[in-house]
Every structure is written in C-alpha cells, then in structure tokens.
Amino acid sequence: TDLPPILSQFSIKHLNIEGNLFSSFPSCLLPSKPYSRIVGEEARPNHILQLQTLNLKHNQLAFLPDHISRLRELQVIALSGNPILELPFSFLQMTCLRRIDVDSTTEDSLLFPPQGSFDHSATPAARVLGEVRRA
C-alpha cells in the first residue's frame, strides 16, 4: 500500500495517515530530489517538502528511512502504534522538529543514534527525544 504520487504536488502542511497499515514509509513523502521531472513537463517543486505535521500512528512501520530529513519543515511526527525500535541518524539534521510522539512502552527501548559518536545533545531532535524519554 502506498499513497498516490500526485500527493507530492500539493502544498500540504499537515498529513494524517493514521491506521492505514503501511509497512513501509510512503514513497511520495520523500521525493528523491527537491524538484521532480515528469516526462513532457517542466521541473516542479515537491510541495510535500513543506510538511509540518505527520501522523503515522497505528501503521506497521518497523523503521523510518534515513532520508526523512528531507522533510526539513517537519515539526511534529507521531509514531505511536508502530513497531519502530530505532530512529534514523538523520533526525539530528531536522532543525524544525519539536515533538516526537511514541508509545510509552516503546520509548524505553527506542534507540537513537549512538551516544559518544559526537556531542549531539544540542540539536533540536536530540533535545526532543530527551523530553520524550523523561515524560
């Protein structure tokens, strides 16, 4: 199951795809380049990159792709109800990210990029994850 590719052509700020049983991250949410080229048409921006809130609750996602950091405007991501055990290293690059929603049972076992690889405690995503674990 996937979302229609045309979705990337709309300027969407908030997307709720809760409970759709996706087992992989919807490909249209992460275009390979900031501008996609369609045969016979001029390059157009992928407006989905302006996404600020993404609700992925209650799907079957076991992981998130590393290139999720292309969603540079993302502020909130809801992941509760997914068997995700590890967040991608690229979360550290997501400077707008303010909230990560996960299950209370998941947050204790949720892995984030290895501690000690460098000091990433000052990055927004690391602070947000720290708040999730303390809550």
N, C-alpha and C. Protein backbone atom coordinates (compact mmCIF):
# COMPACT_ATOMS: atom_id res chain seq x y z
N THR A 1 0.84 -1.18 0.00
CA THR A 1 0.00 0.00 0.00
C THR A 1 0.88 1.23 0.00
N ASP A 2 0.50 2.22 -0.79
CA ASP A 2 1.24 3.47 -0.85
C ASP A 2 0.26 4.60 -1.13
N LEU A 3 0.73 5.81 -0.96
CA LEU A 3 -0.08 6.98 -1.28
C LEU A 3 0.12 7.34 -2.75
N PRO A 4 -0.84 8.01 -3.36
CA PRO A 4 -0.68 8.38 -4.78
C PRO A 4 0.46 9.38 -4.97
N PRO A 5 1.29 9.19 -5.98
CA PRO A 5 2.42 10.08 -6.23
C PRO A 5 2.03 11.54 -6.42
N ILE A 6 0.84 11.78 -6.92
CA ILE A 6 0.40 13.16 -7.16
C ILE A 6 0.33 13.97 -5.87
N LEU A 7 0.29 13.30 -4.74
CA LEU A 7 0.23 13.98 -3.45
C LEU A 7 1.38 14.96 -3.27
N SER A 8 2.54 14.63 -3.85
CA SER A 8 3.71 15.50 -3.70
C SER A 8 3.56 16.83 -4.42
N GLN A 9 2.54 16.97 -5.25
CA GLN A 9 2.33 18.21 -5.98
C GLN A 9 1.44 19.19 -5.24
N PHE A 10 0.90 18.77 -4.11
CA PHE A 10 0.04 19.64 -3.32
C PHE A 10 0.82 20.23 -2.16
N SER A 11 0.49 21.44 -1.80
CA SER A 11 1.12 22.10 -0.67
C SER A 11 0.38 21.68 0.60
N ILE A 12 0.91 20.68 1.27
CA ILE A 12 0.27 20.11 2.45
C ILE A 12 1.14 20.41 3.67
N LYS A 13 0.52 20.95 4.69
CA LYS A 13 1.25 21.26 5.93
C LYS A 13 1.04 20.17 6.98
N HIS A 14 -0.14 19.55 6.98
CA HIS A 14 -0.49 18.55 7.99
C HIS A 14 -1.07 17.33 7.27
N LEU A 15 -0.53 16.16 7.57
CA LEU A 15 -0.98 14.93 6.93
C LEU A 15 -1.23 13.86 7.98
N ASN A 16 -2.45 13.31 7.97
CA ASN A 16 -2.83 12.26 8.90
C ASN A 16 -3.09 10.98 8.11
N ILE A 17 -2.19 10.01 8.25
CA ILE A 17 -2.39 8.71 7.60
C ILE A 17 -2.39 7.62 8.67
N GLU A 18 -3.00 7.95 9.78
CA GLU A 18 -3.12 7.02 10.91
C GLU A 18 -3.95 5.80 10.52
N GLY A 19 -3.51 4.63 10.99
CA GLY A 19 -4.29 3.41 10.86
C GLY A 19 -4.44 2.86 9.46
N ASN A 20 -3.47 3.08 8.59
CA ASN A 20 -3.55 2.58 7.22
C ASN A 20 -2.73 1.32 6.99
N LEU A 21 -2.09 0.81 8.00
CA LEU A 21 -1.31 -0.43 7.94
C LEU A 21 -0.16 -0.39 6.93
N PHE A 22 0.44 0.79 6.75
CA PHE A 22 1.63 0.89 5.91
C PHE A 22 2.76 0.12 6.58
N SER A 23 3.45 -0.72 5.81
CA SER A 23 4.60 -1.44 6.35
C SER A 23 5.91 -0.78 5.93
N SER A 24 5.83 0.15 4.99
CA SER A 24 6.99 0.93 4.60
C SER A 24 6.57 2.39 4.48
N PHE A 25 7.54 3.27 4.63
CA PHE A 25 7.27 4.70 4.60
C PHE A 25 6.76 5.08 3.21
N PRO A 26 5.65 5.81 3.12
CA PRO A 26 5.09 6.17 1.81
C PRO A 26 6.11 6.91 0.94
N SER A 27 6.40 6.37 -0.22
CA SER A 27 7.46 6.89 -1.08
C SER A 27 7.20 8.31 -1.57
N CYS A 28 5.96 8.70 -1.76
CA CYS A 28 5.69 10.05 -2.27
C CYS A 28 6.01 11.13 -1.24
N LEU A 29 6.20 10.74 0.03
CA LEU A 29 6.54 11.72 1.05
C LEU A 29 8.00 12.10 1.03
N LEU A 30 8.81 11.29 0.34
CA LEU A 30 10.24 11.55 0.27
C LEU A 30 10.74 11.49 -1.15
N PRO A 31 10.42 12.51 -1.95
CA PRO A 31 10.90 12.52 -3.33
C PRO A 31 12.43 12.49 -3.35
N SER A 32 12.96 11.92 -4.40
CA SER A 32 14.41 11.75 -4.48
C SER A 32 15.15 13.07 -4.63
N LYS A 33 14.49 14.08 -5.18
CA LYS A 33 15.12 15.38 -5.37
C LYS A 33 14.11 16.47 -5.03
N PRO A 34 14.59 17.68 -4.71
CA PRO A 34 13.65 18.76 -4.42
C PRO A 34 12.72 19.08 -5.59
N TYR A 35 13.18 18.82 -6.80
CA TYR A 35 12.33 19.04 -7.97
C TYR A 35 12.22 17.73 -8.72
N SER A 36 11.01 17.33 -9.05
CA SER A 36 10.84 16.09 -9.80
C SER A 36 10.61 16.42 -11.26
N ARG A 37 11.07 15.56 -12.11
CA ARG A 37 10.91 15.78 -13.55
C ARG A 37 9.99 14.71 -14.09
N ILE A 38 8.91 15.17 -14.67
CA ILE A 38 7.95 14.27 -15.29
C ILE A 38 8.09 14.44 -16.79
N VAL A 39 8.14 13.34 -17.53
CA VAL A 39 8.33 13.40 -18.98
C VAL A 39 7.31 14.33 -19.61
N GLY A 40 7.80 15.28 -20.41
CA GLY A 40 6.92 16.19 -21.11
C GLY A 40 6.49 17.40 -20.28
N GLU A 41 6.93 17.48 -19.05
CA GLU A 41 6.58 18.62 -18.21
C GLU A 41 7.86 19.24 -17.65
N GLU A 42 7.74 20.49 -17.26
CA GLU A 42 8.89 21.16 -16.66
C GLU A 42 9.07 20.69 -15.22
N ALA A 43 10.26 20.91 -14.71
CA ALA A 43 10.52 20.55 -13.32
C ALA A 43 9.60 21.34 -12.41
N ARG A 44 9.03 20.65 -11.44
CA ARG A 44 8.13 21.29 -10.49
C ARG A 44 8.61 20.99 -9.08
N PRO A 45 8.39 21.93 -8.17
CA PRO A 45 8.80 21.67 -6.79
C PRO A 45 7.94 20.59 -6.16
N ASN A 46 8.51 19.83 -5.27
CA ASN A 46 7.75 18.85 -4.49
C ASN A 46 7.24 19.56 -3.25
N HIS A 47 6.00 19.96 -3.31
CA HIS A 47 5.41 20.75 -2.24
C HIS A 47 5.28 19.98 -0.94
N ILE A 48 5.31 18.67 -1.00
CA ILE A 48 5.18 17.86 0.21
C ILE A 48 6.34 18.14 1.16
N LEU A 49 7.43 18.68 0.64
CA LEU A 49 8.58 19.00 1.47
C LEU A 49 8.27 20.10 2.48
N GLN A 50 7.12 20.76 2.35
CA GLN A 50 6.70 21.79 3.29
C GLN A 50 5.91 21.22 4.46
N LEU A 51 5.78 19.92 4.52
CA LEU A 51 5.02 19.24 5.55
C LEU A 51 5.54 19.60 6.94
N GLN A 52 4.62 19.95 7.85
CA GLN A 52 5.00 20.32 9.21
C GLN A 52 4.57 19.28 10.25
N THR A 53 3.44 18.62 10.02
CA THR A 53 2.92 17.62 10.95
C THR A 53 2.62 16.35 10.19
N LEU A 54 3.14 15.23 10.69
CA LEU A 54 2.92 13.94 10.04
C LEU A 54 2.47 12.92 11.08
N ASN A 55 1.24 12.44 10.93
CA ASN A 55 0.69 11.44 11.84
C ASN A 55 0.76 10.07 11.18
N LEU A 56 1.65 9.23 11.68
CA LEU A 56 1.84 7.87 11.17
C LEU A 56 1.39 6.82 12.19
N LYS A 57 0.59 7.23 13.16
CA LYS A 57 0.17 6.32 14.23
C LYS A 57 -0.54 5.09 13.67
N HIS A 58 -0.34 3.97 14.37
CA HIS A 58 -1.05 2.72 14.12
C HIS A 58 -0.94 2.23 12.67
N ASN A 59 0.30 2.20 12.19
CA ASN A 59 0.62 1.53 10.94
C ASN A 59 1.51 0.35 11.30
N GLN A 60 2.24 -0.19 10.36
CA GLN A 60 3.12 -1.33 10.62
C GLN A 60 4.57 -0.98 10.29
N LEU A 61 4.96 0.25 10.55
CA LEU A 61 6.31 0.71 10.21
C LEU A 61 7.33 0.18 11.22
N ALA A 62 8.31 -0.56 10.73
CA ALA A 62 9.37 -1.08 11.59
C ALA A 62 10.57 -0.13 11.63
N PHE A 63 10.68 0.74 10.64
CA PHE A 63 11.77 1.71 10.61
C PHE A 63 11.35 2.92 9.79
N LEU A 64 12.11 3.99 9.93
CA LEU A 64 11.93 5.18 9.11
C LEU A 64 13.16 5.32 8.23
N PRO A 65 13.00 5.74 6.99
CA PRO A 65 14.16 5.89 6.10
C PRO A 65 15.06 7.03 6.57
N ASP A 66 16.34 6.87 6.33
CA ASP A 66 17.31 7.88 6.75
C ASP A 66 17.05 9.22 6.06
N HIS A 67 16.56 9.18 4.83
CA HIS A 67 16.34 10.43 4.09
C HIS A 67 15.04 11.14 4.50
N ILE A 68 14.47 10.77 5.64
CA ILE A 68 13.32 11.50 6.18
C ILE A 68 13.72 12.95 6.48
N SER A 69 15.01 13.19 6.63
CA SER A 69 15.49 14.54 6.91
C SER A 69 15.22 15.51 5.76
N ARG A 70 14.80 15.00 4.61
CA ARG A 70 14.41 15.89 3.51
C ARG A 70 13.15 16.68 3.85
N LEU A 71 12.40 16.19 4.82
CA LEU A 71 11.21 16.93 5.28
C LEU A 71 11.69 17.99 6.27
N ARG A 72 12.37 18.98 5.76
CA ARG A 72 13.06 19.98 6.58
C ARG A 72 12.14 20.84 7.44
N GLU A 73 10.88 20.97 7.05
CA GLU A 73 9.94 21.80 7.80
C GLU A 73 9.17 21.00 8.85
N LEU A 74 9.40 19.69 8.93
CA LEU A 74 8.64 18.84 9.85
C LEU A 74 8.88 19.26 11.30
N GLN A 75 7.78 19.51 12.00
CA GLN A 75 7.84 19.93 13.40
C GLN A 75 7.35 18.84 14.34
N VAL A 76 6.36 18.05 13.89
CA VAL A 76 5.75 17.02 14.73
C VAL A 76 5.64 15.73 13.92
N ILE A 77 6.07 14.63 14.53
CA ILE A 77 5.87 13.32 13.91
C ILE A 77 5.30 12.38 14.97
N ALA A 78 4.18 11.76 14.65
CA ALA A 78 3.50 10.84 15.57
C ALA A 78 3.73 9.41 15.10
N LEU A 79 4.35 8.60 15.95
CA LEU A 79 4.75 7.24 15.59
C LEU A 79 4.12 6.16 16.46
N SER A 80 3.28 6.52 17.40
CA SER A 80 2.67 5.54 18.31
C SER A 80 1.99 4.42 17.53
N GLY A 81 2.05 3.22 18.07
CA GLY A 81 1.38 2.09 17.45
C GLY A 81 2.13 1.46 16.29
N ASN A 82 3.42 1.77 16.16
CA ASN A 82 4.28 1.18 15.14
C ASN A 82 5.40 0.41 15.85
N PRO A 83 5.89 -0.67 15.25
CA PRO A 83 6.96 -1.44 15.89
C PRO A 83 8.36 -0.85 15.66
N ILE A 84 8.47 0.47 15.65
CA ILE A 84 9.75 1.14 15.42
C ILE A 84 10.60 1.04 16.68
N LEU A 85 11.82 0.55 16.53
CA LEU A 85 12.73 0.43 17.67
C LEU A 85 13.92 1.38 17.58
N GLU A 86 14.10 1.99 16.42
CA GLU A 86 15.25 2.86 16.23
C GLU A 86 14.86 4.04 15.35
N LEU A 87 15.33 5.21 15.73
CA LEU A 87 15.12 6.40 14.90
C LEU A 87 16.36 6.61 14.05
N PRO A 88 16.18 7.08 12.83
CA PRO A 88 17.35 7.25 11.95
C PRO A 88 18.28 8.36 12.43
N PHE A 89 19.54 8.19 12.12
CA PHE A 89 20.57 9.17 12.46
C PHE A 89 20.22 10.55 11.91
N SER A 90 19.55 10.59 10.77
CA SER A 90 19.23 11.86 10.11
C SER A 90 18.27 12.73 10.92
N PHE A 91 17.62 12.19 11.95
CA PHE A 91 16.76 13.01 12.81
C PHE A 91 17.55 14.17 13.40
N LEU A 92 18.86 13.99 13.57
CA LEU A 92 19.70 15.05 14.13
C LEU A 92 19.78 16.26 13.21
N GLN A 93 19.48 16.08 11.94
CA GLN A 93 19.54 17.18 10.97
C GLN A 93 18.22 17.94 10.88
N MET A 94 17.20 17.46 11.54
CA MET A 94 15.86 18.04 11.42
C MET A 94 15.71 19.18 12.43
N THR A 95 16.11 20.37 12.01
CA THR A 95 16.19 21.51 12.92
C THR A 95 14.84 22.06 13.35
N CYS A 96 13.78 21.77 12.62
CA CYS A 96 12.45 22.27 12.98
C CYS A 96 11.68 21.29 13.88
N LEU A 97 12.17 20.07 14.01
CA LEU A 97 11.45 19.04 14.76
C LEU A 97 11.30 19.44 16.23
N ARG A 98 10.05 19.45 16.70
CA ARG A 98 9.75 19.88 18.07
C ARG A 98 9.11 18.78 18.91
N ARG A 99 8.47 17.81 18.26
CA ARG A 99 7.79 16.77 19.03
C ARG A 99 7.82 15.44 18.28
N ILE A 100 8.16 14.37 19.03
CA ILE A 100 8.12 13.01 18.52
C ILE A 100 7.19 12.24 19.45
N ASP A 101 6.07 11.78 18.92
CA ASP A 101 5.12 11.01 19.73
C ASP A 101 5.37 9.52 19.52
N VAL A 102 5.64 8.82 20.62
CA VAL A 102 5.83 7.37 20.58
C VAL A 102 5.04 6.75 21.72
N ASP A 103 4.85 5.44 21.66
CA ASP A 103 4.17 4.71 22.73
C ASP A 103 5.00 4.77 24.00
N SER A 104 4.33 4.77 25.14
CA SER A 104 5.07 4.74 26.40
C SER A 104 5.84 3.44 26.56
N THR A 105 5.36 2.36 25.97
CA THR A 105 6.08 1.09 26.04
C THR A 105 7.28 1.07 25.11
N THR A 106 7.26 1.87 24.07
CA THR A 106 8.35 1.91 23.09
C THR A 106 9.48 2.82 23.53
N GLU A 107 9.16 3.92 24.21
CA GLU A 107 10.17 4.93 24.47
C GLU A 107 11.35 4.43 25.29
N ASP A 108 11.15 3.44 26.15
CA ASP A 108 12.27 2.90 26.93
C ASP A 108 13.22 2.07 26.08
N SER A 109 12.72 1.45 25.02
CA SER A 109 13.57 0.61 24.18
C SER A 109 13.96 1.29 22.87
N LEU A 110 13.48 2.50 22.66
CA LEU A 110 13.75 3.22 21.42
C LEU A 110 15.22 3.63 21.36
N LEU A 111 15.88 3.27 20.28
CA LEU A 111 17.29 3.62 20.09
C LEU A 111 17.40 4.86 19.24
N PHE A 112 18.31 5.72 19.63
CA PHE A 112 18.59 6.91 18.86
C PHE A 112 20.06 6.83 18.48
N PRO A 113 20.55 7.62 17.55
CA PRO A 113 21.95 7.50 17.12
C PRO A 113 22.90 7.31 18.30
N PRO A 114 23.91 6.52 18.10
CA PRO A 114 24.81 6.12 19.19
C PRO A 114 25.37 7.30 19.97
N GLN A 115 25.24 7.22 21.26
CA GLN A 115 25.85 8.22 22.13
C GLN A 115 27.37 8.09 21.99
N GLY A 116 28.07 9.18 22.10
CA GLY A 116 29.52 9.13 22.05
C GLY A 116 30.10 9.28 20.66
N SER A 117 29.28 9.16 19.60
CA SER A 117 29.82 9.34 18.26
C SER A 117 30.22 10.80 18.06
N PHE A 118 29.46 11.71 18.65
CA PHE A 118 29.78 13.12 18.74
C PHE A 118 28.75 13.73 19.67
N ASP A 119 28.98 14.96 20.08
CA ASP A 119 28.05 15.59 21.01
C ASP A 119 26.89 16.18 20.23
N HIS A 120 25.75 15.47 20.23
CA HIS A 120 24.58 15.96 19.51
C HIS A 120 23.48 16.38 20.48
N SER A 121 23.84 16.60 21.74
CA SER A 121 22.82 16.95 22.74
C SER A 121 22.21 18.33 22.48
N ALA A 122 22.90 19.16 21.70
CA ALA A 122 22.37 20.50 21.45
C ALA A 122 21.45 20.55 20.24
N THR A 123 21.33 19.48 19.49
CA THR A 123 20.46 19.51 18.32
C THR A 123 19.01 19.42 18.75
N PRO A 124 18.10 20.08 18.02
CA PRO A 124 16.68 20.06 18.39
C PRO A 124 16.10 18.66 18.53
N ALA A 125 16.41 17.77 17.60
CA ALA A 125 15.84 16.43 17.66
C ALA A 125 16.33 15.67 18.88
N ALA A 126 17.58 15.83 19.25
CA ALA A 126 18.11 15.15 20.44
C ALA A 126 17.43 15.68 21.69
N ARG A 127 17.22 16.99 21.76
CA ARG A 127 16.51 17.56 22.91
C ARG A 127 15.08 17.04 22.97
N VAL A 128 14.42 16.99 21.82
CA VAL A 128 13.04 16.49 21.76
C VAL A 128 12.98 15.05 22.22
N LEU A 129 13.90 14.22 21.75
CA LEU A 129 13.91 12.82 22.16
C LEU A 129 14.17 12.70 23.66
N GLY A 130 15.06 13.53 24.18
CA GLY A 130 15.31 13.53 25.62
C GLY A 130 14.05 13.85 26.41
N GLU A 131 13.24 14.77 25.90
CA GLU A 131 11.98 15.11 26.55
C GLU A 131 11.00 13.96 26.48
N VAL A 132 10.97 13.24 25.36
CA VAL A 132 10.08 12.08 25.22
C VAL A 132 10.43 11.05 26.27
N ARG A 133 11.71 10.79 26.46
CA ARG A 133 12.15 9.76 27.41
C ARG A 133 11.90 10.17 28.85
N ARG A 134 11.91 11.48 29.14
CA ARG A 134 11.66 11.94 30.51
C ARG A 134 10.18 12.00 30.84
N ALA A 135 9.33 12.09 29.83
CA ALA A 135 7.89 12.27 30.07
C ALA A 135 7.24 11.06 30.71
